[in-house]
Amino acid sequence: MIIGENAKDDDLDVNAVREKKLTNMRASTADEAIRLVPFRQLNLEQAIEFIADDEFVEITPKSLRLRKKILQSNGRKKRAKEALEEASHSASKANKRRLQTTWVLPAHISPYLTWPA
């Protein structure tokens, strides 16, 4: 389930049920200064505009919920890695096709260009 916004592009996996451990006394005073942004109620159009490619909008008679398509975080990482490998594989195929293309230079252009010193 999506519980908030992150200022960065990547997703941040959190467990909203567990409380934060306050073992370090110096850090515990800094936690009191955190201001939480109030909950923002979205209608259907706003929810559809808000979601990313890897998210769903669940519609029930009483509520709208935003959630990830793949719920387990390790599954999302695996899927992202597969998509990255697929994109690099298709890019390498395009480069191979580009390398296999033969170029014919016009007669007035020398294939051995010299650069001025």
C-alpha atoms as a PDB file:
ATOM      1  CA  MET A   1       0.000   0.000   0.000  1.00  0.00           C
ATOM      2  CA  ILE A   2       1.209   3.491  -0.711  1.00  0.00           C
ATOM      3  CA  ILE A   3       1.330   5.553   2.477  1.00  0.00           C
ATOM      4  CA  GLY A   4       3.086   8.737   1.413  1.00  0.00           C
ATOM      5  CA  GLU A   5       5.221  10.671  -1.040  1.00  0.00           C
ATOM      6  CA  ASN A   6       8.993  10.576  -1.344  1.00  0.00           C
ATOM      7  CA  ALA A   7      10.904  13.642  -2.484  1.00  0.00           C
ATOM      8  CA  LYS A   8      13.227  11.460  -4.571  1.00  0.00           C
ATOM      9  CA  ASP A   9      12.455   9.439  -7.701  1.00  0.00           C
ATOM     10  CA  ASP A  10      12.944   6.004  -6.176  1.00  0.00           C
ATOM     11  CA  ASP A  11      10.521   4.222  -3.869  1.00  0.00           C
ATOM     12  CA  LEU A  12      11.181   3.901  -0.161  1.00  0.00           C
ATOM     13  CA  ASP A  13      10.111   0.635   1.444  1.00  0.00           C
ATOM     14  CA  VAL A  14       8.768   1.115   4.968  1.00  0.00           C
ATOM     15  CA  ASN A  15       6.801  -0.955   7.425  1.00  0.00           C
ATOM     16  CA  ALA A  16       4.040   1.323   8.691  1.00  0.00           C
ATOM     17  CA  VAL A  17       3.029  -1.101  11.434  1.00  0.00           C
ATOM     18  CA  ARG A  18       6.374  -1.200  13.261  1.00  0.00           C
ATOM     19  CA  GLU A  19       7.376   1.655  15.479  1.00  0.00           C
ATOM     20  CA  LYS A  20      10.751   3.320  15.183  1.00  0.00           C
ATOM     21  CA  LYS A  21      13.311   2.176  17.735  1.00  0.00           C
ATOM     22  CA  LEU A  22      14.505   5.040  19.930  1.00  0.00           C
ATOM     23  CA  THR A  23      17.735   3.561  21.272  1.00  0.00           C
ATOM     24  CA  ASN A  24      20.020   6.491  20.460  1.00  0.00           C
ATOM     25  CA  MET A  25      19.276   9.285  22.925  1.00  0.00           C
ATOM     26  CA  ARG A  26      20.832  12.009  20.760  1.00  0.00           C
ATOM     27  CA  ALA A  27      18.670  11.190  17.776  1.00  0.00           C
ATOM     28  CA  SER A  28      15.446  10.941  19.782  1.00  0.00           C
ATOM     29  CA  THR A  29      15.204  14.723  20.301  1.00  0.00           C
ATOM     30  CA  ALA A  30      15.440  15.353  16.550  1.00  0.00           C
ATOM     31  CA  ASP A  31      12.400  13.142  15.961  1.00  0.00           C
ATOM     32  CA  GLU A  32      10.160  15.509  17.903  1.00  0.00           C
ATOM     33  CA  ALA A  33      10.714  18.283  15.342  1.00  0.00           C
ATOM     34  CA  ILE A  34       9.309  16.246  12.435  1.00  0.00           C
ATOM     35  CA  ARG A  35       6.136  17.739  10.982  1.00  0.00           C
ATOM     36  CA  LEU A  36       3.848  15.399   9.131  1.00  0.00           C
ATOM     37  CA  VAL A  37       1.961  16.593   6.091  1.00  0.00           C
ATOM     38  CA  PRO A  38      -1.782  16.099   6.597  1.00  0.00           C
ATOM     39  CA  PHE A  39      -3.608  13.373   4.692  1.00  0.00           C
ATOM     40  CA  ARG A  40      -4.804  14.430   1.254  1.00  0.00           C
ATOM     41  CA  GLN A  41      -8.115  12.981   0.096  1.00  0.00           C
ATOM     42  CA  LEU A  42      -7.993  12.174  -3.639  1.00  0.00           C
ATOM     43  CA  ASN A  43     -10.893  11.714  -5.995  1.00  0.00           C
ATOM     44  CA  LEU A  44     -10.734   9.182  -8.853  1.00  0.00           C
ATOM     45  CA  GLU A  45      -9.263  11.555 -11.443  1.00  0.00           C
ATOM     46  CA  GLN A  46      -6.568  12.814  -9.068  1.00  0.00           C
ATOM     47  CA  ALA A  47      -5.670   9.249  -8.066  1.00  0.00           C
ATOM     48  CA  ILE A  48      -5.284   8.171 -11.692  1.00  0.00           C
ATOM     49  CA  GLU A  49      -3.062  11.195 -12.425  1.00  0.00           C
ATOM     50  CA  PHE A  50      -1.003  10.542  -9.277  1.00  0.00           C
ATOM     51  CA  ILE A  51      -0.073   6.877  -9.818  1.00  0.00           C
ATOM     52  CA  ALA A  52       3.105   5.692 -11.491  1.00  0.00           C
ATOM     53  CA  ASP A  53       3.447   2.898 -14.066  1.00  0.00           C
ATOM     54  CA  ASP A  54       3.948   0.255 -11.370  1.00  0.00           C
ATOM     55  CA  GLU A  55       0.879   1.195  -9.276  1.00  0.00           C
ATOM     56  CA  PHE A  56      -2.864   0.468  -9.214  1.00  0.00           C
ATOM     57  CA  VAL A  57      -5.911   2.383  -8.017  1.00  0.00           C
ATOM     58  CA  GLU A  58      -8.231   0.048  -6.096  1.00  0.00           C
ATOM     59  CA  ILE A  59     -11.833   1.212  -6.167  1.00  0.00           C
ATOM     60  CA  THR A  60     -14.332  -0.010  -3.590  1.00  0.00           C
ATOM     61  CA  PRO A  61     -17.775   1.394  -2.772  1.00  0.00           C
ATOM     62  CA  LYS A  62     -16.389   3.130   0.321  1.00  0.00           C
ATOM     63  CA  SER A  63     -12.845   4.117  -0.628  1.00  0.00           C
ATOM     64  CA  LEU A  64     -10.084   4.581  -3.184  1.00  0.00           C
ATOM     65  CA  ARG A  65      -6.711   2.988  -2.432  1.00  0.00           C
ATOM     66  CA  LEU A  66      -3.370   3.325  -4.173  1.00  0.00           C
ATOM     67  CA  ARG A  67      -1.119   0.267  -4.187  1.00  0.00           C
ATOM     68  CA  LYS A  68       1.818  -1.272  -6.008  1.00  0.00           C
ATOM     69  CA  LYS A  69       1.187  -3.877  -8.710  1.00  0.00           C
ATOM     70  CA  ILE A  70       3.787  -6.173  -7.142  1.00  0.00           C
ATOM     71  CA  LEU A  71       3.348  -6.089  -3.369  1.00  0.00           C
ATOM     72  CA  GLN A  72       6.614  -7.717  -2.224  1.00  0.00           C
ATOM     73  CA  SER A  73       9.577  -5.339  -2.353  1.00  0.00           C
ATOM     74  CA  ASN A  74      12.013  -8.042  -3.485  1.00  0.00           C
ATOM     75  CA  GLY A  75       9.624  -8.897  -6.349  1.00  0.00           C
ATOM     76  CA  ARG A  76       9.570  -5.237  -7.421  1.00  0.00           C
ATOM     77  CA  LYS A  77      13.374  -5.124  -7.409  1.00  0.00           C
ATOM     78  CA  LYS A  78      13.547  -8.336  -9.447  1.00  0.00           C
ATOM     79  CA  ARG A  79      11.028  -7.006 -11.984  1.00  0.00           C
ATOM     80  CA  ALA A  80      12.916  -3.696 -12.301  1.00  0.00           C
ATOM     81  CA  LYS A  81      16.158  -5.590 -12.885  1.00  0.00           C
ATOM     82  CA  GLU A  82      14.512  -7.732 -15.588  1.00  0.00           C
ATOM     83  CA  ALA A  83      13.112  -4.642 -17.294  1.00  0.00           C
ATOM     84  CA  LEU A  84      16.544  -2.994 -17.231  1.00  0.00           C
ATOM     85  CA  GLU A  85      18.181  -6.095 -18.739  1.00  0.00           C
ATOM     86  CA  GLU A  86      15.485  -6.260 -21.409  1.00  0.00           C
ATOM     87  CA  ALA A  87      16.001  -2.595 -22.293  1.00  0.00           C
ATOM     88  CA  SER A  88      19.781  -3.029 -22.547  1.00  0.00           C
ATOM     89  CA  HIS A  89      19.301  -6.180 -24.635  1.00  0.00           C
ATOM     90  CA  SER A  90      17.023  -4.378 -27.094  1.00  0.00           C
ATOM     91  CA  ALA A  91      19.485  -1.461 -27.229  1.00  0.00           C
ATOM     92  CA  SER A  92      22.337  -3.841 -28.043  1.00  0.00           C
ATOM     93  CA  LYS A  93      20.209  -5.380 -30.810  1.00  0.00           C
ATOM     94  CA  ALA A  94      19.656  -1.898 -32.264  1.00  0.00           C
ATOM     95  CA  ASN A  95      23.402  -1.230 -32.114  1.00  0.00           C
ATOM     96  CA  LYS A  96      24.098  -4.513 -33.939  1.00  0.00           C
ATOM     97  CA  ARG A  97      21.669  -3.570 -36.684  1.00  0.00           C
ATOM     98  CA  ARG A  98      23.295  -0.158 -36.904  1.00  0.00           C
ATOM     99  CA  LEU A  99      26.740  -1.770 -37.200  1.00  0.00           C
ATOM    100  CA  GLN A 100      25.543  -4.168 -39.890  1.00  0.00           C
ATOM    101  CA  THR A 101      24.267  -1.304 -42.040  1.00  0.00           C
ATOM    102  CA  THR A 102      26.733  -0.403 -44.771  1.00  0.00           C
ATOM    103  CA  TRP A 103      27.212   3.225 -45.617  1.00  0.00           C
ATOM    104  CA  VAL A 104      28.114   4.421 -49.089  1.00  0.00           C
ATOM    105  CA  LEU A 105      29.921   7.731 -49.242  1.00  0.00           C
ATOM    106  CA  PRO A 106      29.337  10.075 -52.171  1.00  0.00           C
ATOM    107  CA  ALA A 107      32.190  10.255 -54.684  1.00  0.00           C
ATOM    108  CA  HIS A 108      33.254  13.786 -53.704  1.00  0.00           C
ATOM    109  CA  ILE A 109      33.840  12.797 -50.017  1.00  0.00           C
ATOM    110  CA  SER A 110      37.069  10.973 -49.288  1.00  0.00           C
ATOM    111  CA  PRO A 111      36.769   8.042 -46.896  1.00  0.00           C
ATOM    112  CA  TYR A 112      40.118   9.077 -45.413  1.00  0.00           C
ATOM    113  CA  LEU A 113      39.518  12.482 -43.923  1.00  0.00           C
ATOM    114  CA  THR A 114      42.509  14.419 -42.681  1.00  0.00           C
ATOM    115  CA  TRP A 115      42.260  16.886 -39.860  1.00  0.00           C
ATOM    116  CA  PRO A 116      44.157  20.162 -39.898  1.00  0.00           C
ATOM    117  CA  ALA A 117      47.059  20.250 -37.467  1.00  0.00           C
END
